[in-house]
Amino acid sequence: MTANLFENLPARLAEECFDMLVESEHVTVERIVSHGHSSPAVGWYEQSRHEWVVVLKGRGVVAFELGEEVTLGPGDHLSIPAHTRHRVAWTAPDEDTVWLAVHFD
């Protein structure tokens, strides 16, 4: 089955949109669509699996609990080790930001 990561993008987003593309015991792949969204002001993502994320379109900033912030644009990718506390601090308010996130053991 074929599909396109840029098809069926939501027209209006009250929250970030997460679409599971592939799921198995050891890996998951999801498309995330943001449009001016960020993580909740309180709390951090802290996952039991490693995460590799790439921005396919748009722009975003990933912030880490220890203070580092990483700005990502089209083609930029980032590896986040398991149990590393992080959040999305900012995404472009004037365009869709399309992320591909791979979670793995």
N, C-alpha and C. Protein backbone atom coordinates (compact mmCIF):
# COMPACT_ATOMS: atom_id res chain seq x y z
N MET A 1 0.84 -1.18 0.00
CA MET A 1 0.00 0.00 0.00
C MET A 1 0.89 1.24 0.00
N THR A 2 0.58 2.20 -0.84
CA THR A 2 1.35 3.45 -0.88
C THR A 2 0.51 4.58 -0.29
N ALA A 3 1.21 5.57 0.19
CA ALA A 3 0.58 6.77 0.73
C ALA A 3 1.58 7.89 0.62
N ASN A 4 1.13 9.11 0.86
CA ASN A 4 1.99 10.28 0.80
C ASN A 4 1.90 11.02 2.13
N LEU A 5 3.04 11.35 2.71
CA LEU A 5 3.07 12.00 4.02
C LEU A 5 2.46 13.40 4.02
N PHE A 6 2.32 14.00 2.83
CA PHE A 6 1.77 15.34 2.74
C PHE A 6 0.29 15.36 2.34
N GLU A 7 -0.30 14.18 2.14
CA GLU A 7 -1.72 14.10 1.82
C GLU A 7 -2.54 14.07 3.11
N ASN A 8 -3.76 14.51 2.98
CA ASN A 8 -4.72 14.46 4.09
C ASN A 8 -4.23 15.21 5.33
N LEU A 9 -3.55 16.33 5.12
CA LEU A 9 -3.16 17.16 6.26
C LEU A 9 -4.43 17.84 6.79
N PRO A 10 -4.62 17.84 8.09
CA PRO A 10 -5.82 18.47 8.65
C PRO A 10 -5.89 19.96 8.30
N ALA A 11 -7.07 20.45 7.98
CA ALA A 11 -7.23 21.86 7.62
C ALA A 11 -7.12 22.77 8.84
N ARG A 12 -7.70 22.36 9.95
CA ARG A 12 -7.66 23.13 11.20
C ARG A 12 -7.25 22.18 12.32
N LEU A 13 -6.36 22.65 13.16
CA LEU A 13 -5.87 21.80 14.24
C LEU A 13 -6.06 22.49 15.59
N ALA A 14 -6.90 21.92 16.43
CA ALA A 14 -7.01 22.43 17.80
C ALA A 14 -5.78 21.97 18.60
N GLU A 15 -5.28 20.78 18.26
CA GLU A 15 -4.09 20.20 18.89
C GLU A 15 -3.22 19.59 17.80
N GLU A 16 -1.99 19.25 18.16
CA GLU A 16 -1.15 18.52 17.22
C GLU A 16 -1.86 17.24 16.81
N CYS A 17 -1.62 16.80 15.59
CA CYS A 17 -2.25 15.59 15.05
C CYS A 17 -1.19 14.50 14.95
N PHE A 18 -1.46 13.34 15.57
CA PHE A 18 -0.54 12.20 15.56
C PHE A 18 -1.19 11.07 14.76
N ASP A 19 -0.52 10.61 13.70
CA ASP A 19 -1.01 9.50 12.89
C ASP A 19 0.02 8.38 12.92
N MET A 20 -0.38 7.22 13.45
CA MET A 20 0.50 6.05 13.49
C MET A 20 0.59 5.47 12.09
N LEU A 21 1.81 5.33 11.58
CA LEU A 21 2.03 4.82 10.23
C LEU A 21 2.46 3.36 10.25
N VAL A 22 3.33 3.01 11.20
CA VAL A 22 3.84 1.64 11.34
C VAL A 22 3.97 1.36 12.83
N GLU A 23 3.55 0.17 13.23
CA GLU A 23 3.68 -0.19 14.64
C GLU A 23 4.03 -1.67 14.76
N SER A 24 5.08 -1.94 15.53
CA SER A 24 5.45 -3.32 15.82
C SER A 24 5.95 -3.37 17.26
N GLU A 25 6.37 -4.53 17.68
CA GLU A 25 6.84 -4.70 19.05
C GLU A 25 8.05 -3.83 19.35
N HIS A 26 8.92 -3.60 18.37
CA HIS A 26 10.19 -2.92 18.62
C HIS A 26 10.31 -1.53 18.00
N VAL A 27 9.36 -1.14 17.16
CA VAL A 27 9.46 0.17 16.51
C VAL A 27 8.07 0.70 16.18
N THR A 28 7.92 2.03 16.29
CA THR A 28 6.72 2.70 15.81
C THR A 28 7.16 3.91 14.98
N VAL A 29 6.39 4.21 13.97
CA VAL A 29 6.65 5.37 13.11
C VAL A 29 5.36 6.16 13.05
N GLU A 30 5.45 7.45 13.35
CA GLU A 30 4.26 8.28 13.30
C GLU A 30 4.52 9.59 12.59
N ARG A 31 3.47 10.09 11.96
CA ARG A 31 3.51 11.43 11.37
C ARG A 31 2.84 12.36 12.38
N ILE A 32 3.50 13.49 12.62
CA ILE A 32 2.95 14.49 13.53
C ILE A 32 2.79 15.78 12.73
N VAL A 33 1.62 16.39 12.82
CA VAL A 33 1.38 17.66 12.14
C VAL A 33 1.09 18.72 13.20
N SER A 34 1.86 19.80 13.14
CA SER A 34 1.72 20.93 14.06
C SER A 34 1.46 22.19 13.25
N HIS A 35 0.82 23.14 13.85
CA HIS A 35 0.59 24.45 13.20
C HIS A 35 0.53 25.49 14.31
N GLY A 36 1.71 25.92 14.76
CA GLY A 36 1.78 26.87 15.86
C GLY A 36 1.60 26.22 17.22
N HIS A 37 1.69 24.91 17.29
CA HIS A 37 1.50 24.20 18.55
C HIS A 37 2.81 24.04 19.32
N SER A 38 2.66 23.78 20.60
CA SER A 38 3.78 23.41 21.45
C SER A 38 3.25 22.42 22.48
N SER A 39 4.17 21.79 23.19
CA SER A 39 3.77 20.87 24.25
C SER A 39 3.10 21.67 25.37
N PRO A 40 2.32 20.99 26.22
CA PRO A 40 1.74 21.70 27.36
C PRO A 40 2.82 22.41 28.18
N ALA A 41 2.47 23.53 28.77
CA ALA A 41 3.44 24.35 29.52
C ALA A 41 4.03 23.60 30.70
N VAL A 42 3.29 22.68 31.25
CA VAL A 42 3.82 21.88 32.36
C VAL A 42 4.02 20.45 31.88
N GLY A 43 5.06 19.82 32.38
CA GLY A 43 5.32 18.43 32.03
C GLY A 43 6.27 18.29 30.86
N TRP A 44 6.83 17.13 30.77
CA TRP A 44 7.81 16.80 29.74
C TRP A 44 7.46 15.44 29.15
N TYR A 45 7.84 15.25 27.89
CA TYR A 45 7.81 13.90 27.33
C TYR A 45 9.01 13.17 27.90
N GLU A 46 8.80 11.97 28.37
CA GLU A 46 9.90 11.11 28.82
C GLU A 46 9.52 9.69 28.43
N GLN A 47 10.07 9.22 27.34
CA GLN A 47 9.65 7.95 26.75
C GLN A 47 10.61 6.82 27.10
N SER A 48 10.07 5.62 27.13
CA SER A 48 10.88 4.45 27.45
C SER A 48 11.70 3.97 26.25
N ARG A 49 11.38 4.47 25.07
CA ARG A 49 12.12 4.11 23.86
C ARG A 49 12.92 5.31 23.36
N HIS A 50 13.94 5.02 22.55
CA HIS A 50 14.67 6.08 21.86
C HIS A 50 13.74 6.68 20.80
N GLU A 51 14.00 7.93 20.44
CA GLU A 51 13.21 8.58 19.39
C GLU A 51 14.14 9.26 18.40
N TRP A 52 13.86 9.06 17.13
CA TRP A 52 14.53 9.79 16.06
C TRP A 52 13.42 10.58 15.37
N VAL A 53 13.63 11.89 15.23
CA VAL A 53 12.60 12.74 14.64
C VAL A 53 13.22 13.57 13.52
N VAL A 54 12.46 13.76 12.46
CA VAL A 54 12.90 14.59 11.33
C VAL A 54 11.76 15.52 10.96
N VAL A 55 12.10 16.77 10.65
CA VAL A 55 11.11 17.72 10.14
C VAL A 55 11.12 17.61 8.62
N LEU A 56 9.97 17.31 8.06
CA LEU A 56 9.85 17.19 6.60
C LEU A 56 9.43 18.52 5.97
N LYS A 57 8.67 19.31 6.73
CA LYS A 57 8.15 20.58 6.24
C LYS A 57 7.90 21.47 7.44
N GLY A 58 8.18 22.75 7.33
CA GLY A 58 7.93 23.69 8.42
C GLY A 58 9.14 23.86 9.31
N ARG A 59 8.89 24.30 10.55
CA ARG A 59 9.96 24.58 11.50
C ARG A 59 9.47 24.29 12.90
N GLY A 60 10.41 23.88 13.77
CA GLY A 60 10.05 23.63 15.15
C GLY A 60 11.27 23.71 16.06
N VAL A 61 11.00 23.83 17.36
CA VAL A 61 12.06 23.87 18.36
C VAL A 61 11.76 22.80 19.40
N VAL A 62 12.75 21.93 19.65
CA VAL A 62 12.65 20.93 20.70
C VAL A 62 13.51 21.40 21.86
N ALA A 63 12.91 21.47 23.04
CA ALA A 63 13.61 21.91 24.25
C ALA A 63 13.83 20.72 25.16
N PHE A 64 14.95 20.74 25.86
CA PHE A 64 15.30 19.67 26.80
C PHE A 64 15.29 20.22 28.21
N GLU A 65 15.03 19.36 29.17
CA GLU A 65 14.90 19.77 30.57
C GLU A 65 16.15 20.49 31.08
N LEU A 66 17.32 20.12 30.58
CA LEU A 66 18.56 20.73 31.06
C LEU A 66 18.85 22.09 30.41
N GLY A 67 17.93 22.58 29.56
CA GLY A 67 18.05 23.93 29.02
C GLY A 67 18.41 24.04 27.55
N GLU A 68 18.90 22.98 26.95
CA GLU A 68 19.26 23.04 25.52
C GLU A 68 17.99 23.13 24.67
N GLU A 69 18.06 23.91 23.60
CA GLU A 69 17.00 23.99 22.61
C GLU A 69 17.59 23.74 21.23
N VAL A 70 16.89 22.95 20.43
CA VAL A 70 17.35 22.60 19.09
C VAL A 70 16.29 23.05 18.09
N THR A 71 16.70 23.92 17.15
CA THR A 71 15.80 24.39 16.10
C THR A 71 15.95 23.48 14.90
N LEU A 72 14.80 23.04 14.37
CA LEU A 72 14.80 22.12 13.23
C LEU A 72 13.98 22.70 12.09
N GLY A 73 14.50 22.54 10.87
CA GLY A 73 13.80 22.93 9.66
C GLY A 73 13.75 21.74 8.73
N PRO A 74 13.24 21.91 7.52
CA PRO A 74 13.11 20.80 6.59
C PRO A 74 14.42 20.03 6.41
N GLY A 75 14.35 18.73 6.64
CA GLY A 75 15.50 17.85 6.50
C GLY A 75 16.33 17.68 7.76
N ASP A 76 16.13 18.54 8.75
CA ASP A 76 16.89 18.42 9.99
C ASP A 76 16.32 17.28 10.83
N HIS A 77 17.22 16.51 11.44
CA HIS A 77 16.76 15.41 12.29
C HIS A 77 17.53 15.39 13.58
N LEU A 78 16.96 14.68 14.56
CA LEU A 78 17.47 14.70 15.92
C LEU A 78 17.22 13.34 16.56
N SER A 79 18.21 12.84 17.28
CA SER A 79 18.05 11.60 18.06
C SER A 79 17.87 11.98 19.52
N ILE A 80 16.86 11.39 20.14
CA ILE A 80 16.57 11.67 21.54
C ILE A 80 16.65 10.34 22.29
N PRO A 81 17.65 10.17 23.15
CA PRO A 81 17.78 8.91 23.89
C PRO A 81 16.57 8.67 24.79
N ALA A 82 16.28 7.40 25.03
CA ALA A 82 15.20 7.03 25.94
C ALA A 82 15.39 7.73 27.29
N HIS A 83 14.29 8.09 27.91
CA HIS A 83 14.24 8.72 29.24
C HIS A 83 14.85 10.12 29.28
N THR A 84 15.02 10.76 28.12
CA THR A 84 15.49 12.14 28.07
C THR A 84 14.27 13.05 28.05
N ARG A 85 14.15 13.88 29.04
CA ARG A 85 12.98 14.75 29.16
C ARG A 85 13.06 15.89 28.15
N HIS A 86 12.01 16.00 27.32
CA HIS A 86 11.99 17.00 26.25
C HIS A 86 10.55 17.43 25.97
N ARG A 87 10.43 18.50 25.20
CA ARG A 87 9.12 19.00 24.80
C ARG A 87 9.26 19.80 23.51
N VAL A 88 8.16 19.99 22.83
CA VAL A 88 8.14 20.88 21.67
C VAL A 88 7.87 22.28 22.20
N ALA A 89 8.86 23.15 22.07
CA ALA A 89 8.75 24.51 22.60
C ALA A 89 8.02 25.45 21.65
N TRP A 90 8.09 25.15 20.33
CA TRP A 90 7.53 26.08 19.34
C TRP A 90 7.43 25.38 18.00
N THR A 91 6.38 25.68 17.26
CA THR A 91 6.31 25.32 15.84
C THR A 91 5.80 26.53 15.07
N ALA A 92 6.13 26.57 13.80
CA ALA A 92 5.79 27.72 12.95
C ALA A 92 4.29 27.99 12.99
N PRO A 93 3.90 29.23 13.28
CA PRO A 93 2.47 29.57 13.34
C PRO A 93 1.86 29.84 11.97
N ASP A 94 2.71 30.03 10.95
CA ASP A 94 2.22 30.44 9.64
C ASP A 94 2.23 29.32 8.59
N GLU A 95 2.56 28.10 9.03
CA GLU A 95 2.59 26.97 8.09
C GLU A 95 2.50 25.67 8.88
N ASP A 96 2.13 24.59 8.19
CA ASP A 96 2.15 23.28 8.83
C ASP A 96 3.59 22.85 9.05
N THR A 97 3.83 22.23 10.18
CA THR A 97 5.10 21.55 10.42
C THR A 97 4.79 20.07 10.43
N VAL A 98 5.43 19.34 9.52
CA VAL A 98 5.21 17.90 9.40
C VAL A 98 6.46 17.20 9.90
N TRP A 99 6.30 16.40 10.94
CA TRP A 99 7.37 15.65 11.57
C TRP A 99 7.19 14.16 11.26
N LEU A 100 8.27 13.44 11.21
CA LEU A 100 8.25 11.99 11.19
C LEU A 100 9.01 11.54 12.43
N ALA A 101 8.36 10.77 13.29
CA ALA A 101 8.98 10.32 14.53
C ALA A 101 9.08 8.81 14.52
N VAL A 102 10.27 8.30 14.81
CA VAL A 102 10.51 6.86 14.89
C VAL A 102 10.90 6.55 16.32
N HIS A 103 10.13 5.69 16.97
CA HIS A 103 10.42 5.26 18.34
C HIS A 103 10.90 3.81 18.27
N PHE A 104 12.03 3.53 18.94
CA PHE A 104 12.61 2.19 18.82
C PHE A 104 13.32 1.80 20.10
N ASP A 105 13.51 0.47 20.25
CA ASP A 105 14.23 -0.07 21.42
C ASP A 105 15.71 0.14 21.31
